[in-house]
Protein backbone atom coordinates (compact mmCIF):
# COMPACT_ATOMS: atom_id res chain seq x y z
CA MET A 1 3.79 21.50 47.07
CA ALA A 2 4.76 24.74 45.35
CA ILE A 3 7.36 22.84 43.27
CA LYS A 4 4.69 20.32 42.26
CA ASN A 5 2.32 23.08 41.14
CA SER A 6 5.15 24.80 39.29
CA ASN A 7 6.04 21.62 37.42
CA SER A 8 2.35 21.00 36.69
CA ASN A 9 1.96 24.53 35.23
CA LYS A 10 5.07 24.12 33.14
CA SER A 11 3.85 20.79 31.80
CA GLU A 12 0.49 22.40 30.91
CA GLU A 13 2.25 25.29 29.18
CA ASP A 14 4.39 22.88 27.21
CA SER A 15 1.33 20.92 26.19
CA ILE A 16 -0.47 24.08 25.02
CA TYR A 17 2.64 25.13 23.09
CA SER A 18 2.87 21.66 21.56
CA ARG A 19 -0.76 21.78 20.43
CA LYS A 20 -0.32 25.21 18.86
CA ALA A 21 2.82 23.99 17.04
CA ASN A 22 0.98 20.95 15.74
CA VAL A 23 -2.00 22.99 14.54
CA GLY A 24 0.52 25.26 12.73
CA ARG A 25 2.07 22.17 11.08
CA LEU A 26 -1.38 21.01 10.01
CA LEU A 27 -2.10 24.41 8.44
CA ALA A 28 1.08 24.08 6.38
CA TYR A 29 -0.61 21.27 4.45
CA PHE A 30 -2.99 23.86 3.02
CA ILE A 31 -0.20 25.75 1.25
CA PRO A 32 -0.41 23.82 -2.08
CA HIS A 33 -4.18 24.48 -2.12
CA ILE A 34 -4.07 28.25 -1.58
CA PRO A 35 -5.91 29.07 -4.91
CA GLY A 36 -8.69 26.72 -3.96
CA LEU A 37 -8.91 28.19 -0.49
CA LEU A 38 -9.10 31.76 -1.87
CA ALA A 39 -11.97 30.65 -4.14
CA ALA A 40 -13.66 29.17 -1.03
CA VAL A 41 -13.16 32.48 0.88
CA ILE A 42 -14.79 34.42 -2.02
CA MET A 43 -17.68 31.98 -1.94
CA THR A 44 -17.95 32.54 1.82
CA PHE A 45 -18.50 36.29 1.36
CA LEU A 46 -21.10 35.63 -1.33
CA ILE A 47 -23.03 33.16 0.88
CA ASN A 48 -22.94 35.45 3.85
CA ALA A 49 -24.05 38.43 1.77
CA SER A 50 -27.02 36.42 0.56
CA ILE A 51 -27.98 35.51 4.13
CA LEU A 52 -27.59 39.06 5.41
CA ILE A 53 -29.64 40.63 2.55
CA ARG A 54 -32.64 38.32 2.78
CA PRO A 55 -34.15 39.65 6.05
CA ARG A 56 -33.88 43.23 4.73
CA VAL A 57 -35.77 42.20 1.54
CA LEU A 58 -38.60 40.78 3.68
CA GLN A 59 -38.52 43.80 5.98
CA ARG A 60 -39.10 46.07 2.95
CA ILE A 61 -42.04 43.93 1.78
CA ILE A 62 -43.60 44.01 5.25
CA ASP A 63 -43.10 47.68 6.09
CA ASP A 64 -43.42 49.27 2.63
CA TYR A 65 -46.24 47.20 1.24
CA LEU A 66 -48.01 44.77 3.55
CA VAL A 67 -48.55 46.76 6.74
CA PRO A 68 -49.49 50.05 5.03
CA GLY A 69 -51.78 48.16 2.67
CA ASN A 70 -49.85 49.59 -0.30
CA TYR A 71 -50.34 46.69 -2.77
CA ASP A 72 -47.80 47.12 -5.59
CA ARG A 73 -47.81 43.76 -7.36
CA LYS A 74 -44.84 44.51 -9.59
CA ALA A 75 -42.61 45.66 -6.71
CA ILE A 76 -43.62 42.75 -4.50
CA ASN A 77 -42.93 40.29 -7.31
CA LEU A 78 -39.51 41.79 -7.96
CA LEU A 79 -38.65 41.64 -4.27
CA GLY A 80 -39.97 38.06 -4.10
CA LEU A 81 -37.90 37.04 -7.14
CA LEU A 82 -34.87 38.70 -5.54
CA PHE A 83 -35.46 36.80 -2.29
CA PHE A 84 -35.86 33.49 -4.18
CA GLY A 85 -32.76 34.27 -6.32
CA LEU A 86 -30.70 34.89 -3.17
CA ILE A 87 -31.79 31.48 -1.78
CA VAL A 88 -30.93 29.60 -4.98
CA ALA A 89 -27.66 31.43 -5.48
CA SER A 90 -26.64 30.73 -1.85
CA ALA A 91 -27.53 26.99 -2.23
CA VAL A 92 -25.61 26.61 -5.48
CA ILE A 93 -22.50 28.45 -4.13
CA ASN A 94 -22.71 26.46 -0.88
CA TYR A 95 -22.74 23.19 -2.85
CA LEU A 96 -19.78 24.20 -4.98
CA GLN A 97 -17.87 25.34 -1.87
CA THR A 98 -18.56 21.98 -0.16
CA LEU A 99 -17.28 20.05 -3.17
CA LEU A 100 -14.13 22.21 -3.39
CA LEU A 101 -13.34 22.01 0.37
CA ASN A 102 -13.94 18.23 0.53
CA HIS A 103 -11.68 17.75 -2.46
CA ILE A 104 -8.98 19.80 -0.74
CA GLY A 105 -9.54 17.93 2.53
CA GLN A 106 -9.37 14.49 1.00
CA SER A 107 -6.25 15.39 -0.98
CA ILE A 108 -4.51 16.53 2.22
CA MET A 109 -5.61 13.49 4.18
CA HIS A 110 -4.33 11.24 1.34
CA ARG A 111 -1.00 13.02 1.51
CA LEU A 112 -0.82 12.84 5.30
CA ARG A 113 -1.82 9.20 5.44
CA THR A 114 0.77 8.16 2.81
CA GLN A 115 3.49 10.24 4.54
CA LEU A 116 2.66 8.50 7.86
CA PHE A 117 2.70 5.03 6.29
CA ASN A 118 5.97 5.82 4.49
CA LYS A 119 7.47 7.00 7.77
CA ILE A 120 6.42 3.80 9.57
CA GLN A 121 7.96 1.70 6.79
CA ARG A 122 11.30 3.43 7.22
CA MET A 123 11.46 2.82 10.98
CA SER A 124 13.93 0.42 12.53
CA MET A 125 12.84 -2.74 14.37
CA SER A 126 13.36 -1.03 17.75
CA PHE A 127 10.54 1.34 16.86
CA PHE A 128 8.19 -1.65 16.40
CA ASP A 129 9.35 -2.98 19.75
CA ARG A 130 7.93 0.19 21.30
CA PHE A 131 4.73 0.69 19.25
CA SER A 132 2.30 -2.20 18.85
CA SER A 133 0.57 -2.85 15.54
CA GLY A 134 -2.79 -1.80 17.08
CA ARG A 135 -1.41 1.54 18.16
CA LEU A 136 0.11 2.22 14.72
CA LEU A 137 -3.18 1.15 13.04
CA THR A 138 -5.01 3.68 15.16
CA ARG A 139 -2.60 6.47 14.14
CA VAL A 140 -2.93 5.73 10.41
CA THR A 141 -6.68 5.22 10.34
CA ASN A 142 -8.63 6.77 13.26
CA ASP A 143 -6.32 9.67 13.97
CA VAL A 144 -5.97 10.73 10.36
CA GLU A 145 -9.71 10.36 9.86
CA SER A 146 -10.21 12.67 12.85
CA LEU A 147 -8.61 15.38 10.75
CA ASN A 148 -11.27 15.00 8.11
CA GLU A 149 -13.44 17.80 9.46
CA LEU A 150 -10.45 20.11 9.87
CA PHE A 151 -9.22 19.65 6.29
CA SER A 152 -12.70 19.45 4.78
CA GLY A 153 -13.81 22.90 5.69
CA VAL A 154 -13.71 23.54 9.43
CA LEU A 155 -11.28 26.41 9.14
CA ILE A 156 -13.13 27.95 6.14
CA ASN A 157 -16.47 27.51 7.89
CA LEU A 158 -15.08 28.98 11.05
CA PHE A 159 -13.97 31.96 9.00
CA ARG A 160 -17.43 32.13 7.40
CA ASP A 161 -19.13 31.98 10.82
CA ALA A 162 -16.82 34.72 12.19
CA VAL A 163 -17.51 36.91 9.17
CA MET A 164 -21.24 36.18 9.53
CA ILE A 165 -21.22 37.22 13.17
CA ILE A 166 -19.44 40.51 12.26
CA GLY A 167 -21.89 41.15 9.43
CA LEU A 168 -24.91 40.42 11.62
CA ILE A 169 -23.64 42.77 14.36
CA TYR A 170 -23.12 45.47 11.74
CA MET A 171 -26.61 45.02 10.24
CA MET A 172 -28.28 45.07 13.66
CA PHE A 173 -26.43 48.18 14.87
CA SER A 174 -27.13 49.95 11.63
CA MET A 175 -30.86 49.36 12.12
CA SER A 176 -31.17 49.92 15.87
CA PRO A 177 -28.26 50.09 18.38
CA ARG A 178 -30.63 49.61 21.33
CA LEU A 179 -32.07 46.35 19.95
CA ALA A 180 -28.58 45.23 18.82
CA VAL A 181 -27.38 45.45 22.41
CA VAL A 182 -30.36 43.39 23.58
CA GLY A 183 -29.81 40.83 20.82
CA ILE A 184 -26.12 40.15 21.73
CA SER A 185 -26.53 40.56 25.49
CA THR A 186 -26.54 36.81 25.99
CA VAL A 187 -23.12 36.26 24.31
CA PRO A 188 -21.19 36.29 27.68
CA VAL A 189 -23.41 33.37 28.79
CA ILE A 190 -22.46 31.42 25.66
CA ALA A 191 -18.75 32.23 26.25
CA LEU A 192 -18.96 30.88 29.82
CA ILE A 193 -20.61 27.68 28.66
CA ALA A 194 -17.97 27.26 25.92
CA PHE A 195 -15.15 27.64 28.47
CA PHE A 196 -16.39 24.80 30.70
CA TYR A 197 -17.25 22.68 27.66
CA ARG A 198 -13.70 23.08 26.32
CA LYS A 199 -12.09 21.67 29.45
CA ALA A 200 -14.46 18.72 29.71
CA ALA A 201 -14.29 17.90 26.03
CA ARG A 202 -10.47 17.81 25.80
CA LYS A 203 -10.11 15.42 28.74
CA ASN A 204 -12.74 13.14 27.30
CA PHE A 205 -11.16 13.15 23.82
CA ILE A 206 -7.78 12.09 25.19
CA ARG A 207 -9.52 9.25 27.01
CA MET A 208 -11.40 8.20 23.86
CA LYS A 209 -8.24 8.13 21.74
CA ARG A 210 -6.43 6.00 24.34
CA ASN A 211 -9.35 3.53 24.54
CA ILE A 212 -9.71 3.16 20.75
CA GLY A 213 -6.02 2.44 20.52
CA ARG A 214 -6.40 -0.30 23.12
CA ILE A 215 -9.33 -1.81 21.26
CA ASN A 216 -7.45 -1.82 17.94
CA GLY A 217 -4.41 -3.38 19.54
CA PHE A 218 -6.48 -6.06 21.32
CA LEU A 219 -8.35 -6.90 18.10
CA ALA A 220 -5.21 -7.05 15.95
CA GLU A 221 -3.48 -9.35 18.45
CA ASN A 222 -6.44 -11.69 19.07
CA ILE A 223 -7.59 -12.03 15.45
CA THR A 224 -4.03 -13.01 14.53
CA GLY A 225 -3.88 -15.48 17.42
CA MET A 226 -7.45 -16.81 17.13
CA LYS A 227 -6.22 -20.35 16.52
CA ILE A 228 -4.42 -20.33 19.91
CA VAL A 229 -7.50 -18.81 21.62
CA GLN A 230 -9.69 -21.59 20.26
CA ILE A 231 -7.22 -24.41 20.91
CA PHE A 232 -7.03 -23.51 24.59
CA HIS A 233 -10.75 -22.61 24.90
CA ARG A 234 -10.06 -19.07 26.00
CA GLU A 235 -12.94 -17.53 24.08
CA LYS A 236 -14.87 -16.50 27.20
CA GLN A 237 -11.79 -15.07 28.89
CA LYS A 238 -10.82 -13.07 25.81
CA PHE A 239 -14.40 -11.89 25.46
CA ASP A 240 -14.35 -10.67 29.09
CA GLU A 241 -11.06 -8.84 28.45
CA TYR A 242 -12.50 -7.19 25.34
CA ASN A 243 -15.73 -6.38 27.18
CA GLU A 244 -13.86 -4.49 29.87
CA ILE A 245 -11.92 -2.42 27.31
CA GLU A 246 -15.11 -1.79 25.28
CA LYS A 247 -16.94 -0.64 28.45
CA GLU A 248 -14.30 2.03 29.00
CA TYR A 249 -14.68 3.18 25.39
CA PHE A 250 -18.45 3.14 25.75
CA LYS A 251 -18.25 5.36 28.79
CA SER A 252 -16.03 7.92 27.08
CA SER A 253 -18.13 7.78 23.88
CA PHE A 254 -21.36 8.29 25.75
CA ARG A 255 -19.78 11.15 27.68
CA GLU A 256 -18.98 12.77 24.37
CA ILE A 257 -22.58 12.33 23.24
CA ILE A 258 -23.79 14.00 26.44
CA LEU A 259 -21.43 16.93 25.98
CA ASN A 260 -22.37 17.35 22.34
CA SER A 261 -26.10 16.95 22.91
CA LEU A 262 -26.10 19.54 25.72
CA GLY A 263 -24.32 22.24 23.64
CA ARG A 264 -26.94 22.92 20.97
CA PRO A 265 -30.06 22.84 23.26
CA ILE A 266 -28.38 25.28 25.68
CA VAL A 267 -27.55 27.64 22.81
CA GLU A 268 -31.12 27.30 21.54
CA VAL A 269 -32.49 28.24 24.97
CA VAL A 270 -30.24 31.26 25.13
CA ASN A 271 -31.22 32.18 21.54
CA ASN A 272 -34.94 32.13 22.42
CA LEU A 273 -34.25 34.16 25.57
CA ALA A 274 -32.68 36.82 23.36
CA ILE A 275 -35.65 36.78 20.98
CA SER A 276 -38.03 36.99 23.96
CA ALA A 277 -36.10 39.97 25.27
CA LEU A 278 -36.42 41.68 21.82
CA VAL A 279 -40.17 41.19 21.75
CA TRP A 280 -40.48 42.45 25.33
CA VAL A 281 -38.44 45.61 24.58
CA CYS A 282 -40.31 46.34 21.31
CA ALA A 283 -43.83 45.46 22.42
CA GLY A 284 -44.71 48.92 23.77
CA ASP A 285 -43.28 50.77 20.76
CA ILE A 286 -45.12 48.50 18.32
CA LEU A 287 -48.46 49.00 20.14
CA ALA A 288 -47.83 52.73 20.18
CA GLY A 289 -47.17 52.60 16.45
CA THR A 290 -43.66 54.04 16.78
CA PHE A 291 -41.84 50.88 15.68
CA GLU A 292 -42.14 49.00 12.39
CA TYR A 293 -43.12 45.34 12.29
CA GLY A 294 -40.61 44.56 9.51
CA ILE A 295 -37.69 45.77 11.58
CA LEU A 296 -38.70 43.51 14.47
CA TYR A 297 -38.99 40.60 12.05
CA ALA A 298 -35.59 41.40 10.55
CA PHE A 299 -34.10 41.58 14.10
CA ILE A 300 -35.63 38.24 15.07
CA SER A 301 -34.17 36.71 11.81
CA TYR A 302 -30.77 38.27 12.53
CA VAL A 303 -30.74 37.02 16.15
CA ARG A 304 -31.62 33.49 14.94
CA GLU A 305 -28.87 33.76 12.40
CA PHE A 306 -26.57 35.26 15.02
CA PHE A 307 -26.80 32.15 17.17
CA GLN A 308 -26.55 29.81 14.23
CA PRO A 309 -22.82 30.45 13.61
CA ILE A 310 -22.26 30.26 17.35
CA ASN A 311 -23.92 26.80 17.29
CA GLU A 312 -21.73 25.86 14.34
CA ILE A 313 -18.60 27.10 16.14
CA ALA A 314 -19.56 25.02 19.22
CA ASP A 315 -20.04 21.94 17.00
CA LYS A 316 -16.81 22.52 15.09
CA TYR A 317 -14.91 23.02 18.29
CA THR A 318 -15.48 19.27 18.95
CA GLY A 319 -13.78 18.53 15.62
CA LEU A 320 -10.96 20.94 16.38
CA GLN A 321 -10.38 19.25 19.79
CA SER A 322 -10.29 15.86 18.11
CA ALA A 323 -7.95 17.15 15.39
CA ALA A 324 -5.59 18.73 17.97
CA ILE A 325 -5.30 15.55 19.95
CA SER A 326 -4.96 13.38 16.83
CA SER A 327 -2.28 15.70 15.43
CA GLU A 328 -0.25 15.22 18.61
CA ARG A 329 -0.44 11.45 18.19
CA ILE A 330 0.39 11.64 14.43
CA PHE A 331 3.29 14.00 14.83
CA GLU A 332 4.63 11.93 17.72
CA ILE A 333 5.40 9.31 15.02
CA MET A 334 6.45 11.82 12.38
CA ASP A 335 8.94 13.46 14.74
CA ILE A 336 10.82 10.31 15.76
CA LYS A 337 14.24 10.64 14.14
CA ASP A 338 16.49 8.34 16.08
CA LYS A 339 14.49 5.24 15.06
CA GLU A 340 14.23 6.15 11.37
CA GLU A 341 16.37 4.32 8.85
CA ASP A 342 17.99 6.32 6.05
CA LEU A 343 17.74 3.73 3.29
CA LEU A 344 19.72 5.76 0.71
CA ALA A 345 22.58 7.02 2.90
CA GLY A 346 25.93 5.30 2.64
CA THR A 347 28.13 3.81 0.00
CA PRO A 348 26.40 1.95 -2.86
CA CYS A 349 27.45 -1.66 -3.30
CA ASP A 350 26.72 -3.55 -6.49
CA GLU A 351 28.22 -6.76 -5.18
CA ILE A 352 28.95 -8.34 -1.79
CA LYS A 353 31.33 -11.29 -1.56
CA GLY A 354 29.98 -12.42 1.80
CA ASN A 355 33.07 -11.93 3.96
CA ILE A 356 31.45 -11.26 7.39
CA GLU A 357 33.31 -10.42 10.55
CA PHE A 358 32.05 -9.54 14.06
CA LYS A 359 34.68 -7.81 16.22
CA ASN A 360 34.04 -7.62 19.98
CA VAL A 361 30.29 -6.93 19.43
CA TRP A 362 28.13 -5.93 22.37
CA PHE A 363 24.43 -5.41 21.88
CA ALA A 364 21.35 -4.79 24.07
CA TYR A 365 17.80 -4.10 23.10
CA GLU A 366 17.33 -1.96 26.22
CA LYS A 367 20.00 -0.01 28.05
CA GLU A 368 22.72 -2.37 29.25
CA ASN A 369 20.76 -5.54 29.41
CA TRP A 370 23.26 -7.23 27.09
CA VAL A 371 22.03 -9.90 24.70
CA LEU A 372 25.41 -10.32 22.98
CA LYS A 373 28.61 -9.89 25.02
CA ASP A 374 32.00 -9.42 23.30
CA VAL A 375 31.09 -11.67 20.31
CA SER A 376 33.74 -12.18 17.65
CA PHE A 377 33.80 -14.47 14.65
CA HIS A 378 34.79 -14.44 10.98
CA ILE A 379 32.80 -16.03 8.12
CA ARG A 380 34.64 -16.26 4.79
CA PRO A 381 33.00 -15.96 1.40
CA GLY A 382 31.22 -19.12 0.31
CA GLU A 383 31.36 -20.72 3.75
CA PHE A 384 28.43 -22.61 5.22
CA VAL A 385 28.24 -21.85 8.94
CA ALA A 386 25.73 -22.45 11.66
CA PHE A 387 24.81 -20.91 15.04
CA VAL A 388 23.36 -23.07 17.77
CA GLY A 389 22.39 -22.56 21.35
CA SER A 390 19.54 -22.58 23.82
CA THR A 391 16.57 -20.23 23.55
CA GLY A 392 17.63 -16.65 24.34
CA SER A 393 21.32 -17.25 23.73
CA GLY A 394 21.43 -14.58 21.02
CA LYS A 395 21.31 -16.61 17.75
CA SER A 396 18.51 -14.66 16.03
CA THR A 397 19.93 -11.38 17.31
CA ILE A 398 23.10 -12.01 15.30
CA ILE A 399 20.99 -12.28 12.16
CA SER A 400 19.13 -9.04 12.98
CA LEU A 401 22.50 -7.26 13.34
CA MET A 402 23.85 -8.59 10.02
CA THR A 403 20.87 -7.06 8.22
CA ARG A 404 21.06 -3.89 10.37
CA PHE A 405 17.59 -4.15 11.82
CA TYR A 406 19.40 -2.99 14.92
CA ASP A 407 22.69 -1.14 15.46
CA ILE A 408 25.24 -2.37 17.96
CA GLN A 409 26.40 -0.37 21.00
CA LYS A 410 30.00 -1.60 21.08
CA GLY A 411 32.38 -3.30 18.68
CA GLU A 412 32.30 -3.48 14.90
CA ILE A 413 30.57 -5.52 12.18
CA LEU A 414 32.46 -5.77 8.86
CA ILE A 415 31.24 -7.00 5.52
CA ASP A 416 33.94 -7.40 2.88
CA GLY A 417 36.23 -5.45 5.22
CA LYS A 418 33.94 -2.43 5.41
CA ASN A 419 31.89 -1.35 8.43
CA ILE A 420 28.28 -2.38 7.94
CA ARG A 421 27.13 1.16 8.83
CA ASP A 422 28.95 2.54 5.75
CA TYR A 423 26.81 0.56 3.30
CA ARG A 424 23.61 1.83 1.74
CA LEU A 425 20.84 -0.07 3.52
CA THR A 426 18.80 -0.85 0.40
CA ASP A 427 21.86 -2.38 -1.37
CA LEU A 428 22.92 -4.27 1.77
CA ARG A 429 19.52 -5.96 2.19
CA LYS A 430 19.25 -6.77 -1.46
CA LYS A 431 22.39 -8.87 -1.12
CA ILE A 432 21.30 -10.65 2.06
CA SER A 433 18.19 -12.88 1.99
CA VAL A 434 16.66 -14.23 5.12
CA VAL A 435 14.28 -17.18 5.53
CA LEU A 436 12.41 -17.02 8.84
CA GLN A 437 10.78 -19.77 10.84
CA ASP A 438 7.51 -17.81 11.03
CA VAL A 439 6.67 -17.24 7.38
CA PHE A 440 4.61 -14.23 6.52
CA LEU A 441 2.66 -14.36 3.25
CA PHE A 442 0.73 -11.34 1.87
CA THR A 443 -2.72 -11.39 0.38
CA GLY A 444 -2.43 -11.87 -3.41
CA ASP A 445 -1.12 -14.83 -5.38
CA ILE A 446 1.94 -17.05 -5.19
CA ALA A 447 3.86 -15.14 -7.91
CA SER A 448 3.34 -11.78 -6.16
CA ASN A 449 4.50 -13.21 -2.85
CA ILE A 450 7.76 -14.39 -4.45
CA ARG A 451 8.28 -11.20 -6.47
CA LEU A 452 7.11 -8.72 -3.74
CA ASN A 453 6.49 -6.00 -6.35
CA ASN A 454 10.13 -6.04 -7.47
CA GLY A 455 9.91 -5.12 -11.12
CA ASP A 456 13.48 -6.43 -11.76
CA ILE A 457 12.39 -9.99 -11.04
CA THR A 458 11.19 -11.74 -14.19
CA ASP A 459 8.89 -14.72 -14.62
CA GLU A 460 11.96 -16.77 -15.55
CA ASP A 461 13.60 -15.78 -12.24
CA ILE A 462 10.50 -17.01 -10.34
CA GLU A 463 10.51 -20.30 -12.23
CA ARG A 464 14.17 -20.77 -11.41
CA ALA A 465 13.56 -19.97 -7.74
CA ILE A 466 10.75 -22.43 -7.30
CA ASP A 467 12.93 -25.16 -8.87
CA ILE A 468 15.79 -24.40 -6.48
CA ALA A 469 13.37 -24.36 -3.54
CA CYS A 470 11.98 -27.78 -4.57
CA ALA A 471 8.51 -26.14 -4.64
CA ARG A 472 7.71 -27.23 -8.26
CA ASP A 473 5.57 -30.29 -7.38
CA PHE A 474 3.69 -28.34 -4.72
CA ILE A 475 2.93 -25.38 -7.01
CA ASP A 476 2.04 -27.54 -10.03
CA SER A 477 -0.47 -29.41 -7.90
CA LEU A 478 -2.43 -26.25 -7.27
CA PRO A 479 -5.43 -25.50 -9.57
CA ASN A 480 -4.05 -22.08 -10.61
CA GLY A 481 -0.30 -22.69 -10.21
CA LEU A 482 1.57 -19.45 -9.62
CA LYS A 483 -1.75 -17.56 -9.85
CA GLU A 484 -3.18 -19.51 -6.90
CA GLU A 485 -4.79 -17.09 -4.43
CA VAL A 486 -2.97 -16.48 -1.15
CA LYS A 487 -5.29 -15.47 1.68
CA GLU A 488 -4.20 -13.52 4.73
CA ARG A 489 -0.95 -14.87 6.16
CA GLY A 490 -1.19 -17.86 3.78
CA CYS A 491 -3.70 -19.62 6.07
CA THR A 492 -4.78 -22.09 3.36
CA PHE A 493 -1.26 -23.57 3.03
CA SER A 494 0.52 -25.90 5.38
CA ALA A 495 3.52 -24.73 7.39
CA GLY A 496 5.84 -26.69 5.08
CA GLU A 497 4.28 -25.22 1.96
CA ARG A 498 4.57 -21.69 3.32
CA GLN A 499 8.25 -22.37 4.12
CA LEU A 500 8.92 -23.57 0.57
CA LEU A 501 7.44 -20.31 -0.78
CA SER A 502 9.57 -18.34 1.67
CA PHE A 503 12.65 -20.21 0.43
CA ALA A 504 11.76 -19.37 -3.16
CA ARG A 505 11.27 -15.76 -2.21
CA ALA A 506 14.76 -15.69 -0.65
CA VAL A 507 16.67 -17.13 -3.58
CA VAL A 508 14.78 -15.36 -6.44
CA SER A 509 16.98 -12.27 -6.16
CA ASN A 510 20.22 -14.33 -6.28
CA PRO A 511 21.57 -13.05 -2.94
CA SER A 512 25.28 -13.06 -1.97
CA VAL A 513 24.40 -14.13 1.57
CA LEU A 514 21.63 -16.58 2.46
CA ILE A 515 20.42 -16.82 6.06
CA LEU A 516 18.07 -19.43 7.38
CA ASP A 517 16.73 -18.55 10.85
CA GLU A 518 15.49 -21.93 12.05
CA ALA A 519 13.82 -22.20 8.63
CA THR A 520 13.39 -25.99 8.86
CA ALA A 521 11.92 -26.05 12.37
CA SER A 522 8.31 -26.38 11.18
CA ILE A 523 8.95 -28.54 8.08
CA ASP A 524 8.40 -32.27 7.90
CA THR A 525 11.35 -34.61 7.36
CA GLU A 526 10.55 -35.28 3.68
CA THR A 527 10.31 -31.56 2.85
CA GLU A 528 13.48 -30.91 4.85
CA LYS A 529 15.38 -33.42 2.70
CA MET A 530 14.11 -31.72 -0.45
CA ILE A 531 15.43 -28.36 0.81
CA GLN A 532 18.74 -29.85 1.84
CA GLU A 533 19.15 -31.19 -1.69
CA SER A 534 18.36 -27.77 -3.20
CA MET A 535 20.77 -26.12 -0.75
CA LYS A 536 23.70 -27.75 -2.52
CA SER A 537 23.08 -25.63 -5.57
CA VAL A 538 21.83 -22.59 -3.64
CA THR A 539 24.87 -22.32 -1.38
CA GLU A 540 27.45 -22.79 -4.05
CA GLY A 541 29.52 -19.66 -4.44
CA ARG A 542 27.70 -17.78 -1.69
CA THR A 543 27.91 -17.41 2.09
CA SER A 544 25.25 -19.43 3.90
CA ILE A 545 24.31 -18.98 7.56
CA VAL A 546 21.93 -21.27 9.48
CA ILE A 547 20.34 -20.75 12.84
CA ALA A 548 19.85 -24.42 13.72
CA HIS A 549 16.95 -25.98 15.49
CA ARG A 550 17.47 -29.46 14.12
CA LEU A 551 21.14 -30.27 14.57
CA SER A 552 20.98 -32.84 11.80
CA THR A 553 20.82 -29.97 9.27
CA ILE A 554 24.26 -28.64 10.17
CA ARG A 555 26.51 -31.64 10.30
CA GLN A 556 28.19 -30.60 7.05
CA ALA A 557 28.72 -26.98 8.15
CA ASP A 558 32.25 -25.59 7.68
CA CYS A 559 32.00 -24.08 11.14
CA ILE A 560 29.49 -24.27 13.96
CA TYR A 561 29.33 -21.49 16.61
CA VAL A 562 27.80 -22.43 19.92
CA LEU A 563 26.29 -19.59 21.95
CA SER A 564 25.41 -19.48 25.60
CA ASN A 565 24.19 -16.40 27.52
CA GLY A 566 25.23 -14.09 24.67
CA ARG A 567 28.75 -15.43 24.26
CA ILE A 568 30.40 -17.82 21.79
CA VAL A 569 31.58 -20.66 24.03
CA GLU A 570 32.61 -23.15 21.31
CA GLN A 571 33.35 -23.13 17.57
CA GLY A 572 34.50 -25.64 14.98
CA ASN A 573 33.09 -28.26 12.69
CA HIS A 574 30.81 -31.12 13.85
CA ASP A 575 33.60 -33.66 14.48
CA LYS A 576 35.80 -31.21 16.36
CA LEU A 577 32.99 -30.10 18.64
CA MET A 578 31.87 -33.68 19.33
CA ASN A 579 35.40 -34.51 20.44
CA GLU A 580 35.52 -31.54 22.87
CA ASN A 581 32.67 -33.10 24.93
CA GLY A 582 31.21 -29.66 25.67
CA HIS A 583 27.97 -27.76 25.07
CA TYR A 584 27.54 -28.92 21.48
CA ARG A 585 28.02 -32.64 22.26
CA HIS A 586 25.48 -32.34 25.08
CA MET A 587 22.98 -30.71 22.70
CA VAL A 588 23.48 -33.43 20.06
CA GLU A 589 23.06 -36.25 22.62
CA LEU A 590 19.93 -34.56 24.02
CA SER A 591 18.54 -34.22 20.49
CA LEU A 592 19.22 -37.87 19.69
CA LYS A 593 17.61 -38.96 22.97
CA GLU A 594 14.45 -36.93 22.07
CA ASN A 595 14.39 -38.49 18.60
CA ARG A 596 14.64 -42.01 20.08
CA ASN A 597 11.78 -41.24 22.47
CA CYS A 598 9.71 -39.91 19.55
CA ASP A 599 10.44 -43.11 17.55
CA MET A 600 9.36 -45.30 20.51
CA VAL A 601 6.13 -43.38 20.86
CA SER A 602 5.48 -43.66 17.11
CA LYS A 603 6.02 -47.45 17.21
CA ALA A 604 3.80 -47.80 20.20
CA LEU A 605 1.05 -45.89 18.38
């Protein structure tokens, strides 16, 4: 039991240290804005001075002129103008300070958000295996937005409130130490309330952040897969799932409202208790004529002002709690080093011939759950090769390793005789184009989806690419041609049309290696024939690799590699493998049988 408590205490200490370190890192973002912060600090002193002087001005009017009946119009007018001037000056300075601090805050948030997005873009695929899109979306949006209060003036306002409290205490003690003690006697009560509030608020904030992450993840997944939900009539079930997650978020959100709504009323009650105590202490002296009315009024004003910054600090503590938790989640991503790709490290390569060799490669996504086991093969420049095998045999994994989306645990991958890890990643991926089965199109137009913001690609390159991809007829049939709008994920185009655009995107940069990862799986027969015709010109002089779903597309391959359970069990051209009467022949015969069955069904229909 003692060991458990010891570990728990150590974990809590580490957590506190982590939060302090993260807050320190957040403060470092203020360094470029130090001149603006200094200006805000000067404005803080001016605002506080205005607030502190105003009760003394009214106290003089009451005690020197109103109570004694000494009506001096000129003096009263001057003091009234001074009071009004202090109010206007305070309002103007406060407005300017708010503008300045919000500009600083938004600048910092813009910088932090772009840094976080840039970090995510540089992460390897194994990182995205660990973090879902919903969780990452929460980090970039909700968590960064939670820092808004911190960067938009919380620290300066906390400084202003602290200075205000010190100034108020000084003013009260300079007027009457006895009443000053009465006025601040309730501070320990406020401190005790703040202590319990702090513990409850932090636990609830962690719960809220976790729940909003679950909601974002659920929404991102289900909106993307809405077609599947509707096809299988799972709307009610998905609604029930969402409702359960939303209920948890509602509970934590409502708990936060309760905590926040209790804080200010409690402080107000304590504030009025302090004012009541002041009146009670002064009542006898005022009736006896030994205490001035103006001083009592000034003290009541100062006590009200005294609890105002305490209220503000209590409110801002909520923002600080949220910022501390959000900073932990943001810096969790920023501090991941082992998953980050260094795109500029390595040897530059202006040209790749396409000589690819795997030597005794072992690879696992997790620990030693091997997906590839001692895989070796050699693809020579200009060859057209194919990989076939059952689902989960490791075909697509080979493609991911060639483009270094993942790094192998054992063995060696060579391109043009050099270890793939020695190449600069940006150059390597420029020379290898991949066409995936699941085509992803971005919002924009067709031209931008082919170009992908690459300024080196000209309009002529795009025209050439769509000709090679046999996409000319399809694009010319659109009302706006290359300027035709592409909606999210290309939902207005058919699967075959999206695949044609993906093919054009792959060949527009004139790659040295072209990889088709089951790229014809979702394309109709007529479109497939068009692509096969264009492949004759596309593959000439470059290495071409196909992950085959339709075995009819690889009959002319120079070499076919058959995978089973992460190992290459057969290799050779179509005729050689058919004569061996092994895995490949069995797959071809099964494919032919399926096609015959489909033809029989078609004729029957």
